[in-house]
Amino acid sequence: MAEVFSAEWMDQFMQQWNNEPELSDELAKIGFNSNIGYGFDGDADPKGVICIENGKATDAGAYDGQELNWDLRASADSWQKWMSKPPGMMGLGVAYTSRKLKFNIGDYGAMIKDPRMAGPFIKSFAIMGRIS
């Protein structure tokens, strides 16, 4: 298995993202464009980044100073837990309020209140579990 958030892992994540209509197609409907960083709590920078244009992942790999719209952080244990058993809306809320999931950049509150973004966000955790 590729190391979580490594360039190889992020490339597989991009492929899974684009192959999941509940994620990419739903975000395309709202014209979602973002650079999303993923990493570990306490690190200075995210480890990986995925670039989304009109809902579709167009690039992914190791973080290399790209401007980010979102920067999600958690412990390695939390990421592994969510990849093996993706959280639902309530689980994400608990993770956020307990600071197990941190948004170093991005507005969790605004995102989770918009069902057009909340559903795909939850689905992104499910596709992480498909990466080998």
N, C-alpha and C. Protein backbone atom coordinates (compact mmCIF):
# COMPACT_ATOMS: atom_id res chain seq x y z
N MET A 1 0.84 -1.18 0.00
CA MET A 1 0.00 0.00 0.00
C MET A 1 0.88 1.25 0.00
N ALA A 2 0.51 2.21 -0.79
CA ALA A 2 1.24 3.48 -0.84
C ALA A 2 1.06 4.22 0.48
N GLU A 3 2.09 4.96 0.87
CA GLU A 3 2.03 5.76 2.08
C GLU A 3 0.92 6.81 1.94
N VAL A 4 0.10 6.94 2.96
CA VAL A 4 -1.04 7.87 2.94
C VAL A 4 -0.56 9.28 2.61
N PHE A 5 -1.21 9.88 1.63
CA PHE A 5 -0.99 11.24 1.14
C PHE A 5 0.33 11.42 0.39
N SER A 6 1.04 10.32 0.09
CA SER A 6 2.23 10.41 -0.78
C SER A 6 1.76 10.73 -2.20
N ALA A 7 2.69 11.07 -3.07
CA ALA A 7 2.34 11.38 -4.46
C ALA A 7 1.59 10.22 -5.10
N GLU A 8 2.07 9.00 -4.88
CA GLU A 8 1.42 7.81 -5.45
C GLU A 8 0.00 7.64 -4.89
N TRP A 9 -0.15 7.82 -3.60
CA TRP A 9 -1.46 7.69 -2.95
C TRP A 9 -2.41 8.76 -3.49
N MET A 10 -1.94 9.98 -3.59
CA MET A 10 -2.78 11.08 -4.07
C MET A 10 -3.21 10.85 -5.52
N ASP A 11 -2.34 10.25 -6.34
CA ASP A 11 -2.70 9.93 -7.72
C ASP A 11 -3.85 8.92 -7.74
N GLN A 12 -3.78 7.92 -6.88
CA GLN A 12 -4.87 6.94 -6.78
C GLN A 12 -6.15 7.60 -6.26
N PHE A 13 -6.00 8.53 -5.33
CA PHE A 13 -7.14 9.28 -4.80
C PHE A 13 -7.82 10.06 -5.92
N MET A 14 -7.02 10.70 -6.77
CA MET A 14 -7.56 11.45 -7.90
C MET A 14 -8.37 10.53 -8.82
N GLN A 15 -7.85 9.36 -9.11
CA GLN A 15 -8.57 8.41 -9.96
C GLN A 15 -9.89 7.98 -9.32
N GLN A 16 -9.85 7.67 -8.03
CA GLN A 16 -11.08 7.28 -7.33
C GLN A 16 -12.08 8.44 -7.29
N TRP A 17 -11.58 9.64 -7.09
CA TRP A 17 -12.43 10.85 -7.05
C TRP A 17 -13.22 10.96 -8.36
N ASN A 18 -12.50 10.87 -9.47
CA ASN A 18 -13.14 11.04 -10.77
C ASN A 18 -14.06 9.89 -11.15
N ASN A 19 -13.86 8.72 -10.54
CA ASN A 19 -14.70 7.55 -10.84
C ASN A 19 -15.91 7.46 -9.93
N GLU A 20 -16.10 8.43 -9.04
CA GLU A 20 -17.22 8.40 -8.10
C GLU A 20 -18.22 9.50 -8.43
N PRO A 21 -19.33 9.16 -9.11
CA PRO A 21 -20.30 10.17 -9.50
C PRO A 21 -20.89 10.95 -8.32
N GLU A 22 -21.05 10.30 -7.16
CA GLU A 22 -21.61 11.00 -6.00
C GLU A 22 -20.66 12.07 -5.48
N LEU A 23 -19.45 12.07 -5.97
CA LEU A 23 -18.47 13.07 -5.57
C LEU A 23 -18.23 14.04 -6.73
N SER A 24 -17.61 13.57 -7.78
CA SER A 24 -17.21 14.48 -8.86
C SER A 24 -18.40 15.06 -9.62
N ASP A 25 -19.39 14.26 -9.93
CA ASP A 25 -20.54 14.77 -10.68
C ASP A 25 -21.36 15.75 -9.85
N GLU A 26 -21.51 15.45 -8.56
CA GLU A 26 -22.28 16.35 -7.70
C GLU A 26 -21.56 17.69 -7.54
N LEU A 27 -20.24 17.66 -7.41
CA LEU A 27 -19.50 18.91 -7.28
C LEU A 27 -19.46 19.67 -8.60
N ALA A 28 -19.49 18.95 -9.71
CA ALA A 28 -19.53 19.61 -11.03
C ALA A 28 -20.81 20.43 -11.16
N LYS A 29 -21.90 19.95 -10.60
CA LYS A 29 -23.19 20.65 -10.69
C LYS A 29 -23.14 22.04 -10.06
N ILE A 30 -22.24 22.22 -9.08
CA ILE A 30 -22.15 23.54 -8.43
C ILE A 30 -20.87 24.28 -8.84
N GLY A 31 -20.16 23.75 -9.84
CA GLY A 31 -18.96 24.42 -10.32
C GLY A 31 -17.87 24.52 -9.28
N PHE A 32 -17.69 23.45 -8.50
CA PHE A 32 -16.73 23.44 -7.40
C PHE A 32 -15.30 23.41 -7.93
N ASN A 33 -14.50 24.40 -7.52
CA ASN A 33 -13.08 24.51 -7.86
C ASN A 33 -12.31 24.74 -6.58
N SER A 34 -11.33 23.90 -6.30
CA SER A 34 -10.54 24.07 -5.08
C SER A 34 -9.25 23.27 -5.16
N ASN A 35 -8.26 23.75 -4.43
CA ASN A 35 -7.06 22.97 -4.14
C ASN A 35 -7.19 22.54 -2.69
N ILE A 36 -7.17 21.23 -2.47
CA ILE A 36 -7.41 20.67 -1.14
C ILE A 36 -6.15 19.96 -0.66
N GLY A 37 -5.63 20.43 0.46
CA GLY A 37 -4.46 19.79 1.07
C GLY A 37 -4.90 18.82 2.15
N TYR A 38 -4.15 17.75 2.29
CA TYR A 38 -4.40 16.73 3.31
C TYR A 38 -3.09 16.46 4.04
N GLY A 39 -3.16 16.35 5.35
CA GLY A 39 -1.93 16.08 6.09
C GLY A 39 -2.20 15.71 7.52
N PHE A 40 -1.14 15.79 8.29
CA PHE A 40 -1.17 15.34 9.68
C PHE A 40 -1.09 16.52 10.64
N ASP A 41 -1.87 16.41 11.68
CA ASP A 41 -1.93 17.43 12.71
C ASP A 41 -0.53 17.70 13.25
N GLY A 42 -0.17 18.96 13.35
CA GLY A 42 1.12 19.34 13.89
C GLY A 42 2.19 19.58 12.84
N ASP A 43 2.02 19.06 11.62
CA ASP A 43 3.00 19.31 10.56
C ASP A 43 2.85 20.74 10.04
N ALA A 44 3.95 21.31 9.59
CA ALA A 44 3.93 22.68 9.08
C ALA A 44 3.11 22.79 7.79
N ASP A 45 3.21 21.79 6.94
CA ASP A 45 2.52 21.80 5.65
C ASP A 45 1.74 20.51 5.47
N PRO A 46 0.73 20.56 4.59
CA PRO A 46 0.05 19.30 4.26
C PRO A 46 1.02 18.38 3.52
N LYS A 47 0.69 17.13 3.46
CA LYS A 47 1.54 16.15 2.78
C LYS A 47 1.17 16.01 1.31
N GLY A 48 -0.14 16.02 1.03
CA GLY A 48 -0.61 15.85 -0.34
C GLY A 48 -1.63 16.90 -0.70
N VAL A 49 -1.85 17.06 -2.01
CA VAL A 49 -2.83 18.03 -2.50
C VAL A 49 -3.55 17.45 -3.70
N ILE A 50 -4.82 17.79 -3.82
CA ILE A 50 -5.62 17.42 -4.98
C ILE A 50 -6.25 18.71 -5.51
N CYS A 51 -6.19 18.87 -6.82
CA CYS A 51 -6.72 20.07 -7.48
C CYS A 51 -8.01 19.71 -8.19
N ILE A 52 -9.07 20.43 -7.87
CA ILE A 52 -10.40 20.15 -8.41
C ILE A 52 -10.83 21.31 -9.29
N GLU A 53 -11.26 20.98 -10.51
CA GLU A 53 -11.81 21.98 -11.43
C GLU A 53 -13.16 21.48 -11.90
N ASN A 54 -14.18 22.28 -11.61
CA ASN A 54 -15.55 21.94 -11.96
C ASN A 54 -15.91 20.52 -11.51
N GLY A 55 -15.53 20.20 -10.26
CA GLY A 55 -15.87 18.93 -9.65
C GLY A 55 -14.92 17.79 -9.94
N LYS A 56 -14.13 17.88 -10.98
CA LYS A 56 -13.22 16.80 -11.39
C LYS A 56 -11.80 17.07 -10.89
N ALA A 57 -11.13 16.02 -10.45
CA ALA A 57 -9.74 16.13 -10.05
C ALA A 57 -8.88 16.21 -11.31
N THR A 58 -8.08 17.27 -11.41
CA THR A 58 -7.24 17.48 -12.58
C THR A 58 -5.77 17.25 -12.30
N ASP A 59 -5.40 17.27 -11.03
CA ASP A 59 -4.00 17.05 -10.66
C ASP A 59 -3.96 16.65 -9.19
N ALA A 60 -2.99 15.84 -8.84
CA ALA A 60 -2.82 15.44 -7.44
C ALA A 60 -1.38 14.99 -7.25
N GLY A 61 -0.91 15.15 -6.04
CA GLY A 61 0.45 14.71 -5.74
C GLY A 61 0.91 15.25 -4.41
N ALA A 62 2.22 15.27 -4.25
CA ALA A 62 2.81 15.80 -3.02
C ALA A 62 2.60 17.31 -2.98
N TYR A 63 2.37 17.83 -1.80
CA TYR A 63 2.21 19.27 -1.64
C TYR A 63 3.55 19.94 -1.93
N ASP A 64 3.49 20.98 -2.77
CA ASP A 64 4.71 21.68 -3.17
C ASP A 64 4.47 23.19 -3.19
N GLY A 65 3.82 23.67 -2.14
CA GLY A 65 3.61 25.10 -2.02
C GLY A 65 2.40 25.65 -2.77
N GLN A 66 1.56 24.78 -3.32
CA GLN A 66 0.37 25.25 -4.02
C GLN A 66 -0.51 26.08 -3.09
N GLU A 67 -1.20 27.05 -3.67
CA GLU A 67 -2.18 27.82 -2.89
C GLU A 67 -3.35 26.89 -2.60
N LEU A 68 -3.81 26.90 -1.36
CA LEU A 68 -4.87 25.99 -0.93
C LEU A 68 -6.15 26.75 -0.59
N ASN A 69 -7.29 26.13 -0.92
CA ASN A 69 -8.58 26.61 -0.48
C ASN A 69 -9.03 25.87 0.79
N TRP A 70 -8.52 24.65 0.95
CA TRP A 70 -8.85 23.80 2.08
C TRP A 70 -7.56 23.11 2.51
N ASP A 71 -7.39 22.94 3.82
CA ASP A 71 -6.24 22.22 4.35
C ASP A 71 -6.75 21.41 5.54
N LEU A 72 -6.92 20.11 5.33
CA LEU A 72 -7.49 19.23 6.34
C LEU A 72 -6.39 18.48 7.05
N ARG A 73 -6.47 18.46 8.38
CA ARG A 73 -5.44 17.79 9.19
C ARG A 73 -6.08 16.91 10.25
N ALA A 74 -5.42 15.81 10.51
CA ALA A 74 -5.81 14.89 11.58
C ALA A 74 -4.61 14.03 11.91
N SER A 75 -4.71 13.27 12.97
CA SER A 75 -3.63 12.33 13.31
C SER A 75 -3.65 11.18 12.31
N ALA A 76 -2.53 10.48 12.21
CA ALA A 76 -2.47 9.31 11.33
C ALA A 76 -3.50 8.27 11.75
N ASP A 77 -3.68 8.09 13.06
CA ASP A 77 -4.66 7.12 13.55
C ASP A 77 -6.08 7.50 13.14
N SER A 78 -6.41 8.78 13.24
CA SER A 78 -7.75 9.22 12.84
C SER A 78 -7.98 9.01 11.35
N TRP A 79 -6.99 9.39 10.52
CA TRP A 79 -7.15 9.17 9.08
C TRP A 79 -7.38 7.68 8.79
N GLN A 80 -6.59 6.81 9.42
CA GLN A 80 -6.74 5.37 9.18
C GLN A 80 -8.12 4.87 9.62
N LYS A 81 -8.59 5.37 10.74
CA LYS A 81 -9.91 4.98 11.24
C LYS A 81 -10.99 5.38 10.23
N TRP A 82 -10.91 6.62 9.72
CA TRP A 82 -11.93 7.10 8.79
C TRP A 82 -11.84 6.40 7.44
N MET A 83 -10.65 5.96 7.06
CA MET A 83 -10.51 5.25 5.79
C MET A 83 -11.06 3.84 5.89
N SER A 84 -10.95 3.23 7.07
CA SER A 84 -11.48 1.87 7.22
C SER A 84 -12.98 1.88 7.50
N LYS A 85 -13.46 2.92 8.15
CA LYS A 85 -14.89 3.06 8.42
C LYS A 85 -15.25 4.53 8.26
N PRO A 86 -15.64 4.91 7.02
CA PRO A 86 -15.91 6.33 6.74
C PRO A 86 -16.98 6.91 7.68
N PRO A 87 -16.73 8.11 8.18
CA PRO A 87 -17.69 8.73 9.08
C PRO A 87 -18.90 9.27 8.33
N GLY A 88 -20.01 9.33 9.00
CA GLY A 88 -21.19 9.99 8.46
C GLY A 88 -21.20 11.44 8.89
N MET A 89 -22.31 12.10 8.68
CA MET A 89 -22.43 13.51 9.04
C MET A 89 -22.19 13.72 10.53
N MET A 90 -22.77 12.89 11.36
CA MET A 90 -22.60 13.05 12.80
C MET A 90 -21.16 12.77 13.21
N GLY A 91 -20.56 11.73 12.67
CA GLY A 91 -19.17 11.41 12.99
C GLY A 91 -18.22 12.53 12.62
N LEU A 92 -18.46 13.17 11.47
CA LEU A 92 -17.62 14.29 11.08
C LEU A 92 -17.81 15.47 12.01
N GLY A 93 -19.04 15.70 12.41
CA GLY A 93 -19.31 16.79 13.35
C GLY A 93 -18.59 16.58 14.67
N VAL A 94 -18.62 15.36 15.17
CA VAL A 94 -17.92 15.04 16.41
C VAL A 94 -16.41 15.19 16.22
N ALA A 95 -15.90 14.71 15.08
CA ALA A 95 -14.45 14.83 14.81
C ALA A 95 -14.03 16.29 14.76
N TYR A 96 -14.87 17.13 14.17
CA TYR A 96 -14.54 18.54 14.07
C TYR A 96 -14.61 19.23 15.43
N THR A 97 -15.70 19.01 16.16
CA THR A 97 -15.86 19.70 17.44
C THR A 97 -14.85 19.21 18.48
N SER A 98 -14.41 17.96 18.37
CA SER A 98 -13.41 17.43 19.30
C SER A 98 -11.98 17.73 18.83
N ARG A 99 -11.86 18.42 17.71
CA ARG A 99 -10.57 18.83 17.12
C ARG A 99 -9.75 17.65 16.61
N LYS A 100 -10.40 16.51 16.35
CA LYS A 100 -9.70 15.39 15.71
C LYS A 100 -9.53 15.66 14.22
N LEU A 101 -10.44 16.43 13.65
CA LEU A 101 -10.33 16.88 12.26
C LEU A 101 -10.23 18.39 12.30
N LYS A 102 -9.14 18.91 11.75
CA LYS A 102 -8.91 20.35 11.78
C LYS A 102 -8.89 20.89 10.35
N PHE A 103 -9.47 22.05 10.21
CA PHE A 103 -9.43 22.77 8.94
C PHE A 103 -8.46 23.93 9.14
N ASN A 104 -7.21 23.74 8.76
CA ASN A 104 -6.24 24.83 8.88
C ASN A 104 -6.59 25.95 7.91
N ILE A 105 -7.18 25.60 6.79
CA ILE A 105 -7.71 26.55 5.81
C ILE A 105 -9.07 26.01 5.38
N GLY A 106 -10.05 26.88 5.26
CA GLY A 106 -11.39 26.47 4.82
C GLY A 106 -12.39 26.62 5.94
N ASP A 107 -13.64 26.72 5.57
CA ASP A 107 -14.72 26.98 6.51
C ASP A 107 -15.62 25.75 6.62
N TYR A 108 -15.35 24.94 7.64
CA TYR A 108 -16.13 23.73 7.86
C TYR A 108 -17.61 24.05 8.03
N GLY A 109 -17.92 25.07 8.80
CA GLY A 109 -19.31 25.41 9.08
C GLY A 109 -20.09 25.74 7.82
N ALA A 110 -19.52 26.55 6.95
CA ALA A 110 -20.20 26.92 5.70
C ALA A 110 -20.36 25.70 4.81
N MET A 111 -19.35 24.85 4.75
CA MET A 111 -19.40 23.66 3.89
C MET A 111 -20.45 22.67 4.38
N ILE A 112 -20.47 22.38 5.65
CA ILE A 112 -21.34 21.34 6.17
C ILE A 112 -22.81 21.77 6.14
N LYS A 113 -23.07 23.09 6.12
CA LYS A 113 -24.45 23.58 6.04
C LYS A 113 -25.00 23.54 4.62
N ASP A 114 -24.14 23.33 3.64
CA ASP A 114 -24.56 23.28 2.23
C ASP A 114 -24.61 21.82 1.79
N PRO A 115 -25.80 21.23 1.66
CA PRO A 115 -25.89 19.81 1.32
C PRO A 115 -25.23 19.47 -0.02
N ARG A 116 -25.09 20.47 -0.89
CA ARG A 116 -24.44 20.21 -2.18
C ARG A 116 -22.95 19.96 -2.00
N MET A 117 -22.40 20.41 -0.88
CA MET A 117 -20.99 20.17 -0.58
C MET A 117 -20.82 19.11 0.51
N ALA A 118 -21.73 19.05 1.46
CA ALA A 118 -21.58 18.14 2.60
C ALA A 118 -21.60 16.68 2.16
N GLY A 119 -22.53 16.31 1.29
CA GLY A 119 -22.60 14.92 0.82
C GLY A 119 -21.33 14.48 0.12
N PRO A 120 -20.85 15.27 -0.85
CA PRO A 120 -19.59 14.90 -1.49
C PRO A 120 -18.40 14.87 -0.52
N PHE A 121 -18.38 15.77 0.45
CA PHE A 121 -17.29 15.77 1.43
C PHE A 121 -17.26 14.44 2.18
N ILE A 122 -18.41 13.99 2.63
CA ILE A 122 -18.50 12.71 3.32
C ILE A 122 -18.08 11.58 2.39
N LYS A 123 -18.49 11.63 1.12
CA LYS A 123 -18.13 10.60 0.14
C LYS A 123 -16.62 10.56 -0.07
N SER A 124 -15.93 11.70 0.07
CA SER A 124 -14.47 11.70 -0.14
C SER A 124 -13.77 10.79 0.86
N PHE A 125 -14.30 10.65 2.06
CA PHE A 125 -13.71 9.75 3.04
C PHE A 125 -13.90 8.29 2.63
N ALA A 126 -15.05 7.99 2.05
CA ALA A 126 -15.33 6.63 1.61
C ALA A 126 -14.37 6.21 0.49
N ILE A 127 -14.08 7.12 -0.44
CA ILE A 127 -13.18 6.72 -1.53
C ILE A 127 -11.74 6.59 -1.06
N MET A 128 -11.38 7.28 0.02
CA MET A 128 -10.02 7.10 0.56
C MET A 128 -9.79 5.64 0.94
N GLY A 129 -10.83 5.00 1.44
CA GLY A 129 -10.72 3.61 1.86
C GLY A 129 -10.55 2.63 0.71
N ARG A 130 -10.75 3.08 -0.52
CA ARG A 130 -10.58 2.21 -1.70
C ARG A 130 -9.15 2.17 -2.20
N ILE A 131 -8.30 3.01 -1.67
CA ILE A 131 -6.93 3.13 -2.18
C ILE A 131 -6.07 2.05 -1.53
N SER A 132 -5.31 1.36 -2.39
CA SER A 132 -4.46 0.28 -1.87
C SER A 132 -2.99 0.64 -1.98
